[in-house]
């Protein structure tokens, strides 16, 4: 199974279109969204082409392919306009060799760990900064960065997970980092 993993769209129709174009180009089976879909949040500037209705419409067109966890900016009101579940705090993805605990990152992160076992992967967005770091007993922390509001001079980005290979890519599809689980 091939997953495209993205986070922190924050209502940008411009970057949502680019993300969905990349999803189609990648020919991924599923799009795993790590929260903060519609609202930009009080600490972020308005993203380019802020249009929550357009973002909801675009995502709803892909509802059969989307897995999603709730971000700190996602609410029950957002769930009313989205036609796929967004209110789960986490989801589990099982790969050939590892269990991936996917969450947004505002509750569970490297400072506040979920119930991980040695070798498990913590995957979250929230920081808007891509990451690939080892911690604990052979654990990994992974972050795809942000689709619309990247921070710390990082690119607008997403991840591809296929088998044991993970690729971090800019929205134009170019690879800037890779990792084998």
N, C-alpha and C. Protein backbone atom coordinates (compact mmCIF):
# COMPACT_ATOMS: atom_id res chain seq x y z
N UNK A 1 0.84 -1.17 0.00
CA UNK A 1 0.00 0.00 0.00
C UNK A 1 0.89 1.24 0.00
N UNK A 2 0.51 2.20 -0.79
CA UNK A 2 1.26 3.45 -0.89
C UNK A 2 0.43 4.57 -0.25
N UNK A 3 1.04 5.23 0.76
CA UNK A 3 0.39 6.33 1.47
C UNK A 3 1.07 7.64 1.12
N UNK A 4 0.27 8.67 0.88
CA UNK A 4 0.78 10.03 0.89
C UNK A 4 0.36 10.61 2.23
N UNK A 5 1.29 11.24 2.94
CA UNK A 5 1.03 11.78 4.27
C UNK A 5 1.27 13.28 4.23
N UNK A 6 0.26 14.03 4.67
CA UNK A 6 0.36 15.50 4.65
C UNK A 6 -0.28 16.07 5.90
N UNK A 7 0.09 17.30 6.22
CA UNK A 7 -0.44 17.94 7.42
C UNK A 7 -0.55 19.44 7.23
N UNK A 8 -1.41 20.02 8.05
CA UNK A 8 -1.47 21.47 8.21
C UNK A 8 -1.76 22.22 6.91
N UNK A 9 -2.91 21.94 6.33
CA UNK A 9 -3.39 22.67 5.14
C UNK A 9 -3.87 24.05 5.55
N UNK A 10 -4.48 24.16 6.70
CA UNK A 10 -4.94 25.42 7.29
C UNK A 10 -5.78 26.28 6.35
N UNK A 11 -6.67 25.65 5.57
CA UNK A 11 -7.63 26.40 4.77
C UNK A 11 -7.11 26.99 3.48
N UNK A 12 -5.90 26.67 3.08
CA UNK A 12 -5.34 27.22 1.84
C UNK A 12 -5.80 26.41 0.63
N UNK A 13 -6.70 26.99 -0.15
CA UNK A 13 -7.17 26.32 -1.38
C UNK A 13 -6.01 26.17 -2.36
N UNK A 14 -5.14 27.15 -2.41
CA UNK A 14 -3.99 27.11 -3.32
C UNK A 14 -3.11 25.88 -3.05
N UNK A 15 -2.72 25.70 -1.79
CA UNK A 15 -1.84 24.57 -1.46
C UNK A 15 -2.59 23.24 -1.40
N UNK A 16 -3.87 23.28 -1.10
CA UNK A 16 -4.67 22.05 -1.14
C UNK A 16 -4.72 21.52 -2.57
N UNK A 17 -4.92 22.40 -3.54
CA UNK A 17 -4.91 21.98 -4.96
C UNK A 17 -3.57 21.35 -5.33
N UNK A 18 -2.48 21.98 -4.89
CA UNK A 18 -1.16 21.43 -5.19
C UNK A 18 -0.95 20.07 -4.52
N UNK A 19 -1.43 19.94 -3.27
CA UNK A 19 -1.31 18.67 -2.57
C UNK A 19 -2.09 17.58 -3.29
N UNK A 20 -3.31 17.88 -3.71
CA UNK A 20 -4.13 16.88 -4.40
C UNK A 20 -3.57 16.56 -5.78
N UNK A 21 -2.96 17.52 -6.44
CA UNK A 21 -2.28 17.24 -7.72
C UNK A 21 -1.11 16.29 -7.47
N UNK A 22 -0.36 16.51 -6.40
CA UNK A 22 0.75 15.61 -6.05
C UNK A 22 0.21 14.22 -5.70
N UNK A 23 -0.91 14.16 -4.99
CA UNK A 23 -1.53 12.88 -4.63
C UNK A 23 -1.88 12.09 -5.91
N UNK A 24 -2.47 12.77 -6.88
CA UNK A 24 -2.79 12.12 -8.15
C UNK A 24 -1.54 11.71 -8.90
N UNK A 25 -0.53 12.57 -8.91
CA UNK A 25 0.73 12.27 -9.58
C UNK A 25 1.42 11.07 -8.93
N UNK A 26 1.38 11.00 -7.62
CA UNK A 26 2.03 9.90 -6.88
C UNK A 26 1.29 8.58 -7.07
N UNK A 27 0.02 8.65 -7.44
CA UNK A 27 -0.83 7.46 -7.57
C UNK A 27 -0.84 6.65 -6.27
N UNK A 28 -0.95 7.38 -5.16
CA UNK A 28 -1.00 6.74 -3.84
C UNK A 28 -2.39 6.12 -3.63
N UNK A 29 -2.43 5.09 -2.80
CA UNK A 29 -3.69 4.43 -2.49
C UNK A 29 -4.52 5.22 -1.48
N UNK A 30 -3.85 5.83 -0.51
CA UNK A 30 -4.52 6.57 0.55
C UNK A 30 -3.80 7.88 0.84
N UNK A 31 -4.58 8.86 1.27
CA UNK A 31 -4.05 10.15 1.71
C UNK A 31 -4.29 10.22 3.22
N UNK A 32 -3.22 10.20 4.00
CA UNK A 32 -3.30 10.30 5.45
C UNK A 32 -3.03 11.76 5.83
N UNK A 33 -4.06 12.41 6.37
CA UNK A 33 -3.96 13.82 6.77
C UNK A 33 -3.81 13.90 8.28
N UNK A 34 -2.80 14.64 8.72
CA UNK A 34 -2.47 14.72 10.14
C UNK A 34 -3.03 15.97 10.81
N UNK A 35 -4.18 16.43 10.35
CA UNK A 35 -4.92 17.48 11.03
C UNK A 35 -4.66 18.89 10.57
N UNK A 36 -5.41 19.81 11.17
CA UNK A 36 -5.43 21.24 10.85
C UNK A 36 -5.76 21.46 9.37
N UNK A 37 -6.97 21.06 9.02
CA UNK A 37 -7.40 21.09 7.62
C UNK A 37 -7.94 22.45 7.18
N UNK A 38 -8.88 23.03 7.95
CA UNK A 38 -9.61 24.20 7.46
C UNK A 38 -9.21 25.52 8.10
N UNK A 39 -9.11 25.57 9.41
CA UNK A 39 -8.88 26.83 10.10
C UNK A 39 -7.39 27.14 10.17
N UNK A 40 -7.02 28.42 10.05
CA UNK A 40 -5.60 28.79 10.04
C UNK A 40 -5.00 28.92 11.44
N UNK A 41 -5.83 29.06 12.46
CA UNK A 41 -5.32 29.16 13.83
C UNK A 41 -4.92 30.57 14.18
N UNK A 42 -5.01 30.92 15.45
CA UNK A 42 -4.73 32.29 15.87
C UNK A 42 -3.25 32.68 15.84
N UNK A 43 -2.35 31.70 15.77
CA UNK A 43 -0.91 32.01 15.78
C UNK A 43 -0.32 32.07 14.37
N UNK A 44 -1.11 31.68 13.37
CA UNK A 44 -0.60 31.63 11.99
C UNK A 44 -1.16 32.78 11.17
N UNK A 45 -0.40 33.24 10.20
CA UNK A 45 -0.95 34.23 9.27
C UNK A 45 -1.97 33.55 8.36
N UNK A 46 -2.82 34.32 7.73
CA UNK A 46 -3.72 33.74 6.74
C UNK A 46 -2.89 33.14 5.62
N UNK A 47 -3.14 31.88 5.28
CA UNK A 47 -2.36 31.28 4.19
C UNK A 47 -2.84 31.78 2.82
N UNK A 48 -2.04 31.52 1.82
CA UNK A 48 -2.35 31.91 0.45
C UNK A 48 -3.71 31.32 0.05
N UNK A 49 -4.55 32.16 -0.52
CA UNK A 49 -5.87 31.76 -1.02
C UNK A 49 -6.67 31.03 0.05
N UNK A 50 -6.81 31.67 1.21
CA UNK A 50 -7.56 31.10 2.33
C UNK A 50 -9.03 30.98 1.93
N UNK A 51 -9.52 29.74 1.84
CA UNK A 51 -10.89 29.50 1.41
C UNK A 51 -11.31 28.13 1.94
N UNK A 52 -11.82 28.12 3.16
CA UNK A 52 -12.14 26.86 3.81
C UNK A 52 -13.21 26.06 3.07
N UNK A 53 -14.18 26.73 2.48
CA UNK A 53 -15.23 26.03 1.72
C UNK A 53 -14.64 25.31 0.53
N UNK A 54 -13.75 25.96 -0.20
CA UNK A 54 -13.11 25.32 -1.36
C UNK A 54 -12.26 24.13 -0.92
N UNK A 55 -11.53 24.28 0.20
CA UNK A 55 -10.72 23.17 0.71
C UNK A 55 -11.62 21.99 1.08
N UNK A 56 -12.71 22.26 1.79
CA UNK A 56 -13.65 21.19 2.16
C UNK A 56 -14.19 20.50 0.92
N UNK A 57 -14.57 21.25 -0.09
CA UNK A 57 -15.09 20.66 -1.33
C UNK A 57 -14.05 19.78 -2.00
N UNK A 58 -12.81 20.26 -2.10
CA UNK A 58 -11.75 19.47 -2.74
C UNK A 58 -11.47 18.18 -1.97
N UNK A 59 -11.39 18.28 -0.65
CA UNK A 59 -11.12 17.08 0.15
C UNK A 59 -12.30 16.11 0.09
N UNK A 60 -13.51 16.62 0.11
CA UNK A 60 -14.68 15.74 0.04
C UNK A 60 -14.73 14.94 -1.25
N UNK A 61 -14.18 15.47 -2.32
CA UNK A 61 -14.13 14.73 -3.59
C UNK A 61 -13.23 13.50 -3.47
N UNK A 62 -12.32 13.49 -2.50
CA UNK A 62 -11.40 12.36 -2.29
C UNK A 62 -11.77 11.55 -1.04
N UNK A 63 -12.96 11.73 -0.52
CA UNK A 63 -13.34 11.17 0.80
C UNK A 63 -13.09 9.68 0.93
N UNK A 64 -13.21 8.92 -0.13
CA UNK A 64 -13.03 7.47 -0.05
C UNK A 64 -11.57 7.09 0.16
N UNK A 65 -10.65 8.00 -0.13
CA UNK A 65 -9.22 7.70 -0.04
C UNK A 65 -8.54 8.34 1.16
N UNK A 66 -9.29 9.12 1.94
CA UNK A 66 -8.68 9.90 3.02
C UNK A 66 -8.82 9.20 4.37
N UNK A 67 -7.68 9.14 5.09
CA UNK A 67 -7.65 8.81 6.51
C UNK A 67 -7.21 10.10 7.19
N UNK A 68 -7.79 10.41 8.36
CA UNK A 68 -7.49 11.70 8.97
C UNK A 68 -7.51 11.62 10.48
N UNK A 69 -6.64 12.40 11.12
CA UNK A 69 -6.68 12.59 12.56
C UNK A 69 -6.96 14.07 12.84
N UNK A 70 -7.46 14.34 14.03
CA UNK A 70 -7.85 15.69 14.41
C UNK A 70 -6.65 16.51 14.85
N UNK A 71 -6.56 17.72 14.32
CA UNK A 71 -5.55 18.66 14.77
C UNK A 71 -6.11 19.61 15.80
N UNK A 72 -5.27 20.43 16.38
CA UNK A 72 -5.71 21.37 17.40
C UNK A 72 -6.61 22.47 16.83
N UNK A 73 -6.61 22.68 15.53
CA UNK A 73 -7.49 23.68 14.91
C UNK A 73 -8.76 23.06 14.31
N UNK A 74 -8.92 21.74 14.40
CA UNK A 74 -10.09 21.07 13.85
C UNK A 74 -11.17 20.93 14.92
N UNK A 75 -12.43 21.17 14.53
CA UNK A 75 -13.54 21.15 15.48
C UNK A 75 -14.71 20.35 14.94
N UNK A 76 -15.70 20.18 15.79
CA UNK A 76 -16.92 19.49 15.37
C UNK A 76 -17.62 20.24 14.26
N UNK A 77 -17.50 21.55 14.22
CA UNK A 77 -18.09 22.34 13.14
C UNK A 77 -17.43 21.96 11.81
N UNK A 78 -16.12 21.75 11.82
CA UNK A 78 -15.42 21.31 10.60
C UNK A 78 -15.94 19.95 10.16
N UNK A 79 -16.17 19.06 11.12
CA UNK A 79 -16.67 17.73 10.78
C UNK A 79 -18.03 17.81 10.10
N UNK A 80 -18.80 18.85 10.38
CA UNK A 80 -20.12 19.00 9.76
C UNK A 80 -20.02 19.24 8.25
N UNK A 81 -18.92 19.81 7.77
CA UNK A 81 -18.80 20.09 6.33
C UNK A 81 -17.90 19.09 5.61
N UNK A 82 -17.17 18.27 6.38
CA UNK A 82 -16.29 17.27 5.78
C UNK A 82 -16.99 15.91 5.78
N UNK A 83 -16.90 15.19 4.68
CA UNK A 83 -17.63 13.93 4.50
C UNK A 83 -16.79 12.70 4.80
N UNK A 84 -15.75 12.88 5.60
CA UNK A 84 -14.91 11.77 6.06
C UNK A 84 -14.56 12.07 7.52
N UNK A 85 -14.30 11.04 8.32
CA UNK A 85 -14.06 11.28 9.75
C UNK A 85 -12.76 12.03 10.00
N UNK A 86 -12.85 13.07 10.87
CA UNK A 86 -11.65 13.86 11.21
C UNK A 86 -11.42 13.96 12.70
N UNK A 87 -12.27 13.41 13.53
CA UNK A 87 -12.22 13.69 14.96
C UNK A 87 -11.41 12.68 15.79
N UNK A 88 -10.79 11.68 15.17
CA UNK A 88 -9.97 10.73 15.93
C UNK A 88 -8.65 11.40 16.33
N UNK A 89 -8.21 11.14 17.56
CA UNK A 89 -6.95 11.73 18.02
C UNK A 89 -5.72 11.04 17.44
N UNK A 90 -5.91 9.79 16.97
CA UNK A 90 -4.79 9.07 16.38
C UNK A 90 -5.31 7.95 15.49
N UNK A 91 -4.44 7.42 14.67
CA UNK A 91 -4.72 6.19 13.95
C UNK A 91 -3.43 5.38 13.90
N UNK A 92 -3.58 4.10 13.69
CA UNK A 92 -2.45 3.19 13.65
C UNK A 92 -2.27 2.69 12.21
N UNK A 93 -1.05 2.75 11.72
CA UNK A 93 -0.70 2.21 10.41
C UNK A 93 0.34 1.12 10.66
N UNK A 94 0.09 -0.06 10.16
CA UNK A 94 1.03 -1.16 10.35
C UNK A 94 1.76 -1.40 9.04
N UNK A 95 3.08 -1.31 9.09
CA UNK A 95 3.90 -1.55 7.91
C UNK A 95 4.52 -2.94 8.02
N UNK A 96 5.36 -3.28 7.08
CA UNK A 96 6.01 -4.60 7.08
C UNK A 96 6.81 -4.84 8.36
N UNK A 97 7.44 -3.79 8.89
CA UNK A 97 8.35 -3.98 10.02
C UNK A 97 8.02 -3.15 11.26
N UNK A 98 7.15 -2.15 11.11
CA UNK A 98 6.92 -1.25 12.24
C UNK A 98 5.45 -0.86 12.36
N UNK A 99 5.08 -0.49 13.58
CA UNK A 99 3.78 0.11 13.83
C UNK A 99 3.98 1.62 13.85
N UNK A 100 3.11 2.33 13.14
CA UNK A 100 3.18 3.79 13.10
C UNK A 100 1.99 4.35 13.85
N UNK A 101 2.27 5.15 14.85
CA UNK A 101 1.24 5.84 15.63
C UNK A 101 1.13 7.24 15.04
N UNK A 102 0.05 7.48 14.27
CA UNK A 102 -0.13 8.76 13.58
C UNK A 102 -1.09 9.65 14.36
N UNK A 103 -0.68 10.87 14.64
CA UNK A 103 -1.47 11.82 15.41
C UNK A 103 -1.10 13.23 14.93
N UNK A 104 -1.77 14.23 15.45
CA UNK A 104 -1.44 15.59 15.01
C UNK A 104 -0.16 16.11 15.67
N UNK A 105 0.01 15.85 16.95
CA UNK A 105 1.22 16.28 17.64
C UNK A 105 1.00 17.26 18.76
N UNK A 106 -0.22 17.76 18.91
CA UNK A 106 -0.46 18.72 19.99
C UNK A 106 -0.69 18.03 21.34
N UNK A 107 -1.10 16.77 21.33
CA UNK A 107 -1.23 16.00 22.57
C UNK A 107 -0.08 15.00 22.71
N UNK A 108 0.12 14.20 21.69
CA UNK A 108 1.19 13.20 21.71
C UNK A 108 2.33 13.67 20.83
N UNK A 109 3.54 13.67 21.40
CA UNK A 109 4.74 14.10 20.70
C UNK A 109 5.93 13.53 21.46
N UNK A 110 7.13 13.91 21.11
CA UNK A 110 8.30 13.32 21.79
C UNK A 110 8.41 13.74 23.26
N UNK A 111 7.72 14.81 23.66
CA UNK A 111 7.70 15.22 25.06
C UNK A 111 6.56 14.58 25.84
N UNK A 112 5.57 14.08 25.12
CA UNK A 112 4.41 13.44 25.74
C UNK A 112 4.04 12.23 24.87
N UNK A 113 4.72 11.12 25.13
CA UNK A 113 4.63 9.95 24.26
C UNK A 113 3.33 9.18 24.41
N UNK A 114 2.82 8.66 23.30
CA UNK A 114 1.73 7.70 23.38
C UNK A 114 2.30 6.35 23.81
N UNK A 115 1.46 5.32 23.96
CA UNK A 115 1.96 4.01 24.38
C UNK A 115 2.73 3.30 23.27
N UNK A 116 3.99 3.65 23.11
CA UNK A 116 4.84 3.05 22.07
C UNK A 116 5.65 1.90 22.65
N UNK A 117 5.96 0.95 21.78
CA UNK A 117 6.89 -0.12 22.12
C UNK A 117 8.19 0.13 21.37
N UNK A 118 9.28 -0.49 21.77
CA UNK A 118 10.53 -0.33 21.03
C UNK A 118 10.32 -0.67 19.54
N UNK A 119 10.83 0.20 18.69
CA UNK A 119 10.70 0.01 17.25
C UNK A 119 9.53 0.73 16.62
N UNK A 120 8.57 1.19 17.44
CA UNK A 120 7.41 1.90 16.90
C UNK A 120 7.80 3.29 16.41
N UNK A 121 6.96 3.83 15.54
CA UNK A 121 7.18 5.15 14.94
C UNK A 121 6.11 6.11 15.43
N UNK A 122 6.51 7.30 15.84
CA UNK A 122 5.60 8.39 16.17
C UNK A 122 5.59 9.33 14.97
N UNK A 123 4.43 9.47 14.36
CA UNK A 123 4.26 10.32 13.17
C UNK A 123 3.30 11.44 13.53
N UNK A 124 3.74 12.68 13.39
CA UNK A 124 2.81 13.79 13.60
C UNK A 124 3.22 15.02 12.81
N UNK A 125 2.24 15.92 12.66
CA UNK A 125 2.46 17.21 12.03
C UNK A 125 2.63 18.25 13.13
N UNK A 126 1.78 19.29 13.09
CA UNK A 126 1.66 20.32 14.13
C UNK A 126 2.80 21.33 14.16
N UNK A 127 4.04 20.90 14.07
CA UNK A 127 5.16 21.84 14.18
C UNK A 127 5.43 22.59 12.88
N UNK A 128 4.93 22.07 11.76
CA UNK A 128 5.15 22.64 10.43
C UNK A 128 6.61 22.50 9.98
N UNK A 129 7.35 21.60 10.63
CA UNK A 129 8.76 21.38 10.32
C UNK A 129 8.99 19.89 10.07
N UNK A 130 9.49 19.52 8.89
CA UNK A 130 9.77 18.10 8.62
C UNK A 130 10.78 17.54 9.62
N UNK A 131 10.62 16.26 9.96
CA UNK A 131 11.54 15.64 10.91
C UNK A 131 11.69 14.16 10.64
N UNK A 132 12.87 13.65 10.96
CA UNK A 132 13.19 12.23 10.91
C UNK A 132 14.27 12.01 11.96
N UNK A 133 13.84 11.68 13.18
CA UNK A 133 14.75 11.59 14.32
C UNK A 133 14.55 10.29 15.08
N UNK A 134 15.64 9.70 15.51
CA UNK A 134 15.58 8.53 16.39
C UNK A 134 15.42 8.98 17.82
N UNK A 135 14.73 8.17 18.62
CA UNK A 135 14.63 8.44 20.05
C UNK A 135 14.30 7.12 20.75
N UNK A 136 14.50 7.10 22.06
CA UNK A 136 14.14 5.93 22.86
C UNK A 136 14.82 4.66 22.40
N UNK A 137 14.11 3.55 22.52
CA UNK A 137 14.62 2.22 22.16
C UNK A 137 14.30 1.90 20.71
N UNK A 138 15.07 2.45 19.80
CA UNK A 138 14.88 2.18 18.37
C UNK A 138 13.56 2.74 17.84
N UNK A 139 13.09 3.84 18.45
CA UNK A 139 11.88 4.50 17.96
C UNK A 139 12.27 5.60 16.98
N UNK A 140 11.31 5.99 16.14
CA UNK A 140 11.50 7.09 15.20
C UNK A 140 10.39 8.11 15.38
N UNK A 141 10.75 9.38 15.24
CA UNK A 141 9.78 10.46 15.15
C UNK A 141 9.86 10.99 13.73
N UNK A 142 8.71 11.02 13.04
CA UNK A 142 8.63 11.50 11.67
C UNK A 142 7.58 12.60 11.58
N UNK A 143 7.84 13.59 10.73
CA UNK A 143 6.92 14.69 10.52
C UNK A 143 7.01 15.10 9.05
N UNK A 144 5.86 15.20 8.35
CA UNK A 144 5.90 15.57 6.93
C UNK A 144 6.09 17.06 6.69
N UNK A 145 6.06 17.87 7.74
CA UNK A 145 6.11 19.32 7.55
C UNK A 145 4.70 19.84 7.27
N UNK A 146 4.61 21.00 6.68
CA UNK A 146 3.31 21.62 6.41
C UNK A 146 3.08 21.81 4.92
N UNK A 147 1.86 21.55 4.51
CA UNK A 147 1.48 21.80 3.12
C UNK A 147 1.45 23.29 2.84
N UNK A 148 0.86 24.09 3.75
CA UNK A 148 0.62 25.50 3.40
C UNK A 148 1.43 26.54 4.18
N UNK A 149 1.83 26.23 5.41
CA UNK A 149 2.54 27.24 6.21
C UNK A 149 3.79 26.60 6.82
N UNK A 150 4.79 26.27 5.99
CA UNK A 150 6.01 25.67 6.54
C UNK A 150 6.76 26.68 7.41
N UNK A 151 7.47 26.15 8.39
CA UNK A 151 8.24 27.02 9.29
C UNK A 151 9.72 26.63 9.26
N UNK A 152 10.55 27.52 9.80
CA UNK A 152 12.00 27.33 9.87
C UNK A 152 12.63 27.12 8.49
N UNK A 153 12.18 27.89 7.52
CA UNK A 153 12.72 27.85 6.15
C UNK A 153 12.67 26.47 5.52
N UNK A 154 11.64 25.68 5.85
CA UNK A 154 11.45 24.37 5.23
C UNK A 154 10.47 24.50 4.07
N UNK A 155 10.48 23.54 3.14
CA UNK A 155 9.59 23.65 1.98
C UNK A 155 8.15 23.24 2.29
N UNK A 156 7.23 23.66 1.44
CA UNK A 156 5.87 23.13 1.45
C UNK A 156 6.04 21.66 1.09
N UNK A 157 5.57 20.75 1.96
CA UNK A 157 6.00 19.36 1.80
C UNK A 157 4.97 18.33 2.22
N UNK A 158 5.28 17.09 1.86
CA UNK A 158 4.50 15.91 2.24
C UNK A 158 5.45 14.72 2.27
N UNK A 159 4.92 13.56 2.69
CA UNK A 159 5.72 12.33 2.73
C UNK A 159 5.02 11.26 1.90
N UNK A 160 5.82 10.34 1.41
CA UNK A 160 5.31 9.12 0.77
C UNK A 160 5.84 7.94 1.58
N UNK A 161 4.94 7.04 1.95
CA UNK A 161 5.30 5.81 2.64
C UNK A 161 4.86 4.65 1.76
N UNK A 162 5.82 3.85 1.34
CA UNK A 162 5.51 2.66 0.54
C UNK A 162 6.44 1.54 0.99
N UNK A 163 5.85 0.49 1.53
CA UNK A 163 6.66 -0.60 2.06
C UNK A 163 7.49 -0.11 3.22
N UNK A 164 8.81 -0.20 3.10
CA UNK A 164 9.70 0.29 4.16
C UNK A 164 10.39 1.59 3.76
N UNK A 165 10.03 2.16 2.63
CA UNK A 165 10.67 3.39 2.16
C UNK A 165 9.79 4.60 2.44
N UNK A 166 10.43 5.64 2.97
CA UNK A 166 9.75 6.91 3.21
C UNK A 166 10.50 8.00 2.47
N UNK A 167 9.75 8.83 1.74
CA UNK A 167 10.32 9.95 1.01
C UNK A 167 9.67 11.24 1.47
N UNK A 168 10.48 12.25 1.75
CA UNK A 168 9.97 13.59 2.00
C UNK A 168 10.10 14.33 0.69
N UNK A 169 8.99 14.96 0.28
CA UNK A 169 8.98 15.65 -1.02
C UNK A 169 8.42 17.05 -0.90
N UNK A 170 8.95 17.91 -1.75
CA UNK A 170 8.35 19.24 -1.92
C UNK A 170 7.05 19.04 -2.71
N UNK A 171 6.17 20.02 -2.65
CA UNK A 171 4.89 19.89 -3.36
C UNK A 171 5.05 19.69 -4.86
N UNK A 172 6.20 20.08 -5.42
CA UNK A 172 6.43 19.83 -6.85
C UNK A 172 6.88 18.40 -7.13
N UNK A 173 7.02 17.58 -6.08
CA UNK A 173 7.37 16.17 -6.26
C UNK A 173 8.85 15.84 -6.13
N UNK A 174 9.69 16.84 -5.98
CA UNK A 174 11.12 16.55 -5.85
C UNK A 174 11.44 16.03 -4.45
N UNK A 175 12.28 15.03 -4.38
CA UNK A 175 12.67 14.41 -3.11
C UNK A 175 13.76 15.25 -2.46
N UNK A 176 13.61 15.55 -1.16
CA UNK A 176 14.71 16.21 -0.45
C UNK A 176 15.23 15.36 0.70
N UNK A 177 14.57 14.25 1.03
CA UNK A 177 15.12 13.33 2.04
C UNK A 177 14.44 11.99 1.88
N UNK A 178 15.17 10.91 2.22
CA UNK A 178 14.59 9.56 2.19
C UNK A 178 15.10 8.77 3.38
N UNK A 179 14.35 7.74 3.72
CA UNK A 179 14.65 6.93 4.88
C UNK A 179 14.05 5.54 4.67
N UNK A 180 14.74 4.52 5.15
CA UNK A 180 14.20 3.18 5.13
C UNK A 180 13.87 2.79 6.57
N UNK A 181 12.65 2.31 6.77
CA UNK A 181 12.24 1.87 8.11
C UNK A 181 12.97 0.62 8.54
